[in-house]
């Protein structure tokens, strides 16, 4: 039996990187829900491969858009993909196999960067190591979760301007939801590293991760 999955892609203001996903979308199983969640009006021109994609509008902010996409779909499982990311050709089948084997887990993909500075491979290796060692995958690793579990966790925290993905993962860990690495890769853009500088961006991400994780743990203690 094939699990029902909804693919949800939040789109930031002025971002058109989602247009590159046509080839990947053509490979998806027939009937899989595909939703782009923008904070602007639907585009007038749709590139090839988007025949089965719906565009919905939501409040600005990735957490709000990810939540809106979840509410606009009916599938048993919710799969979030960043607009500038592209799963490998075998990613969907690997995810479906993972969902059949471990339907109660929070699933994530191995990360690689498709462009950017030469040392980007080091950031990707670090992200994959962090996910395996500490159970902290980020949103650009294609998180997928059962709808029932997502609702039980309260969805993405709209009060967070950054780190809504990390907060969701940490709440899942707190509630005993296991994490599972899908046997496939997602390639994403390292444009932020190229634009802001590799070292500066790397250090900033490390600092933000530490700060957000500390804040989330503090909330656990306060609510205990």
Protein backbone atom coordinates (compact mmCIF):
# COMPACT_ATOMS: atom_id res chain seq x y z
CA UNK A 1 0.00 0.00 0.00
CA UNK A 2 1.36 3.43 -0.97
CA UNK A 3 1.20 6.00 1.86
CA UNK A 4 -0.65 9.21 1.07
CA UNK A 5 1.81 12.12 1.06
CA UNK A 6 1.32 15.84 0.53
CA UNK A 7 4.33 17.82 -0.70
CA UNK A 8 4.34 21.36 0.72
CA UNK A 9 6.73 24.02 -0.62
CA UNK A 10 6.80 27.42 1.12
CA UNK A 11 7.78 30.26 -1.23
CA UNK A 12 9.31 33.47 0.10
CA UNK A 13 8.45 36.89 -1.35
CA UNK A 14 10.05 37.42 -4.74
CA UNK A 15 11.59 33.93 -4.76
CA UNK A 16 11.29 32.11 -8.09
CA UNK A 17 13.71 29.25 -7.37
CA UNK A 18 10.71 26.88 -7.19
CA UNK A 19 10.46 27.04 -10.96
CA UNK A 20 13.40 24.64 -11.24
CA UNK A 21 11.42 21.83 -9.61
CA UNK A 22 9.40 20.88 -12.69
CA UNK A 23 11.52 17.84 -13.58
CA UNK A 24 11.30 16.48 -10.06
CA UNK A 25 7.54 17.07 -9.80
CA UNK A 26 6.94 15.11 -13.00
CA UNK A 27 8.40 12.04 -11.26
CA UNK A 28 5.97 12.10 -8.35
CA UNK A 29 3.26 9.42 -8.10
CA UNK A 30 -0.09 10.27 -9.59
CA UNK A 31 -2.44 11.62 -6.96
CA UNK A 32 0.22 13.01 -4.63
CA UNK A 33 -0.88 16.41 -3.38
CA UNK A 34 1.49 19.22 -4.37
CA UNK A 35 1.10 22.67 -2.86
CA UNK A 36 3.11 25.86 -3.22
CA UNK A 37 2.44 28.25 -0.35
CA UNK A 38 3.25 31.85 -1.19
CA UNK A 39 2.63 35.15 0.56
CA UNK A 40 1.87 36.80 -2.78
CA UNK A 41 -0.64 36.26 -5.56
CA UNK A 42 -0.37 33.17 -7.72
CA UNK A 43 1.98 33.54 -10.71
CA UNK A 44 0.36 34.00 -14.10
CA UNK A 45 2.79 31.73 -15.94
CA UNK A 46 3.37 28.16 -14.83
CA UNK A 47 6.43 26.30 -16.11
CA UNK A 48 6.19 22.69 -17.38
CA UNK A 49 5.81 20.09 -14.66
CA UNK A 50 3.46 22.11 -12.48
CA UNK A 51 0.19 20.86 -13.93
CA UNK A 52 -0.87 19.23 -10.65
CA UNK A 53 0.41 21.93 -8.29
CA UNK A 54 -1.90 24.21 -6.31
CA UNK A 55 -0.87 27.68 -5.20
CA UNK A 56 -2.30 29.02 -1.97
CA UNK A 57 -1.64 32.28 -0.15
CA UNK A 58 -0.74 32.54 3.53
CA UNK A 59 0.69 35.02 5.98
CA UNK A 60 4.33 35.82 5.41
CA UNK A 61 6.80 33.65 7.31
CA UNK A 62 7.97 30.08 6.77
CA UNK A 63 6.20 28.72 9.87
CA UNK A 64 2.88 30.27 8.87
CA UNK A 65 3.25 29.07 5.29
CA UNK A 66 4.21 25.52 6.29
CA UNK A 67 1.21 25.35 8.64
CA UNK A 68 -1.11 26.71 5.97
CA UNK A 69 0.10 24.13 3.49
CA UNK A 70 -0.58 21.35 5.98
CA UNK A 71 -4.12 22.61 6.62
CA UNK A 72 -4.83 22.87 2.88
CA UNK A 73 -4.07 19.19 2.28
CA UNK A 74 -5.68 15.89 3.26
CA UNK A 75 -2.86 13.36 3.04
CA UNK A 76 -1.80 11.19 5.96
CA UNK A 77 1.82 12.36 5.73
CA UNK A 78 3.23 15.87 5.28
CA UNK A 79 6.48 16.47 3.43
CA UNK A 80 8.03 19.95 3.45
CA UNK A 81 10.54 21.01 0.83
CA UNK A 82 12.37 24.31 0.56
CA UNK A 83 11.79 26.08 -2.75
CA UNK A 84 15.51 26.17 -3.58
CA UNK A 85 16.02 22.47 -2.87
CA UNK A 86 15.71 19.52 -5.22
CA UNK A 87 15.45 15.87 -4.12
CA UNK A 88 17.36 13.20 -6.02
CA UNK A 89 15.48 11.11 -8.55
CA UNK A 90 15.03 8.24 -6.10
CA UNK A 91 13.99 10.46 -3.18
CA UNK A 92 10.24 9.97 -3.40
CA UNK A 93 10.42 6.18 -3.62
CA UNK A 94 12.93 6.12 -0.77
CA UNK A 95 10.61 8.25 1.34
CA UNK A 96 7.59 6.06 0.62
CA UNK A 97 9.60 2.99 1.64
CA UNK A 98 10.66 4.74 4.85
CA UNK A 99 7.05 5.70 5.65
CA UNK A 100 5.88 2.12 5.18
CA UNK A 101 8.66 0.85 7.46
CA UNK A 102 8.47 3.58 10.12
CA UNK A 103 5.21 5.53 9.83
CA UNK A 104 5.52 7.06 13.32
CA UNK A 105 8.98 8.59 12.78
CA UNK A 106 10.04 12.06 11.70
CA UNK A 107 11.93 11.52 8.45
CA UNK A 108 14.79 13.57 7.00
CA UNK A 109 17.12 13.37 3.99
CA UNK A 110 20.86 13.61 3.56
CA UNK A 111 21.91 17.09 2.50
CA UNK A 112 24.26 18.28 -0.19
CA UNK A 113 24.85 21.71 -1.71
CA UNK A 114 24.42 22.14 -5.44
CA UNK A 115 26.36 25.40 -5.72
CA UNK A 116 28.18 28.00 -3.66
CA UNK A 117 31.67 28.07 -2.11
CA UNK A 118 34.02 25.10 -2.48
CA UNK A 119 33.83 24.37 1.25
CA UNK A 120 30.09 23.88 1.06
CA UNK A 121 30.64 20.12 1.18
CA UNK A 122 31.94 20.60 4.72
CA UNK A 123 28.71 22.32 5.79
CA UNK A 124 26.65 19.51 4.26
CA UNK A 125 28.78 16.88 5.99
CA UNK A 126 28.37 18.76 9.26
CA UNK A 127 24.59 18.95 8.83
CA UNK A 128 24.35 15.22 8.17
CA UNK A 129 26.59 14.43 11.15
CA UNK A 130 24.55 16.74 13.41
CA UNK A 131 21.35 15.03 12.29
CA UNK A 132 22.68 11.53 12.97
CA UNK A 133 24.57 12.30 16.17
CA UNK A 134 22.19 14.72 17.86
CA UNK A 135 18.92 14.15 15.99
CA UNK A 136 18.72 17.74 14.76
CA UNK A 137 17.92 17.88 11.04
CA UNK A 138 16.83 21.24 9.65
CA UNK A 139 14.08 22.18 7.23
CA UNK A 140 16.34 22.09 4.17
CA UNK A 141 16.67 18.34 4.77
CA UNK A 142 13.09 17.68 3.66
CA UNK A 143 11.27 16.90 6.91
CA UNK A 144 8.31 14.51 6.67
CA UNK A 145 5.89 13.63 9.45
CA UNK A 146 2.52 12.01 9.95
CA UNK A 147 -0.29 14.57 10.02
CA UNK A 148 -1.52 13.24 13.37
CA UNK A 149 1.93 13.70 14.92
CA UNK A 150 2.27 17.17 13.42
CA UNK A 151 -1.03 18.26 14.93
CA UNK A 152 -0.13 16.73 18.29
CA UNK A 153 3.08 18.80 18.28
CA UNK A 154 1.12 21.98 17.59
CA UNK A 155 2.59 22.61 14.14
CA UNK A 156 5.39 25.05 13.42
CA UNK A 157 5.75 27.86 15.94
CA UNK A 158 4.62 31.06 14.21
CA UNK A 159 6.22 33.21 16.90
CA UNK A 160 9.69 32.21 15.71
CA UNK A 161 11.22 34.27 12.92
CA UNK A 162 14.01 31.69 12.63
CA UNK A 163 14.44 28.11 13.72
CA UNK A 164 10.83 26.96 13.46
CA UNK A 165 12.10 23.71 11.94
CA UNK A 166 14.59 23.09 14.77
CA UNK A 167 11.90 23.81 17.37
CA UNK A 168 9.54 21.28 15.76
CA UNK A 169 12.24 18.61 15.68
CA UNK A 170 13.13 19.21 19.32
CA UNK A 171 9.47 19.00 20.37
CA UNK A 172 9.21 15.74 18.46
CA UNK A 173 12.22 14.37 20.35
CA UNK A 174 10.72 15.49 23.66
CA UNK A 175 7.49 13.65 22.83
CA UNK A 176 9.32 10.44 21.98
CA UNK A 177 9.03 10.59 18.19
CA UNK A 178 11.95 8.76 16.62
CA UNK A 179 13.96 10.31 13.79
CA UNK A 180 14.76 8.39 10.63
CA UNK A 181 17.26 9.10 7.87
CA UNK A 182 15.79 8.49 4.42
CA UNK A 183 18.18 6.70 2.06
CA UNK A 184 18.30 9.54 -0.48
CA UNK A 185 19.75 13.02 -0.91
CA UNK A 186 18.34 16.52 -1.24
CA UNK A 187 20.44 19.12 -3.04
CA UNK A 188 19.96 22.69 -1.97
CA UNK A 189 21.40 26.06 -2.85
CA UNK A 190 24.32 27.53 -0.92
CA UNK A 191 23.53 31.00 -2.25
CA UNK A 192 23.52 32.47 1.27
CA UNK A 193 27.09 31.26 1.81
CA UNK A 194 28.13 32.76 -1.53
CA UNK A 195 26.37 36.05 -0.84
CA UNK A 196 27.37 36.58 2.79
CA UNK A 197 30.70 34.75 2.90
CA UNK A 198 31.41 31.14 3.84
CA UNK A 199 33.10 31.67 7.21
CA UNK A 200 30.74 34.39 8.39
CA UNK A 201 27.65 32.39 7.43
CA UNK A 202 28.98 29.16 8.93
CA UNK A 203 29.76 30.80 12.26
CA UNK A 204 26.40 32.58 12.29
CA UNK A 205 24.55 29.33 11.69
CA UNK A 206 26.44 27.59 14.50
CA UNK A 207 25.63 30.43 16.88
CA UNK A 208 21.96 30.54 15.89
CA UNK A 209 21.64 26.76 16.26
CA UNK A 210 23.09 26.89 19.76
CA UNK A 211 20.92 29.85 20.75
CA UNK A 212 17.70 28.35 19.37
CA UNK A 213 18.35 24.95 20.93
CA UNK A 214 19.05 26.58 24.27
CA UNK A 215 15.86 28.66 24.07
CA UNK A 216 13.75 25.63 23.19
CA UNK A 217 15.18 23.63 26.10
CA UNK A 218 14.46 26.54 28.42
CA UNK A 219 10.83 26.46 27.30
CA UNK A 220 10.68 22.76 28.12
CA UNK A 221 11.85 23.45 31.65
CA UNK A 222 9.38 26.30 32.06
CA UNK A 223 6.48 24.13 30.92
CA UNK A 224 7.48 21.10 33.01
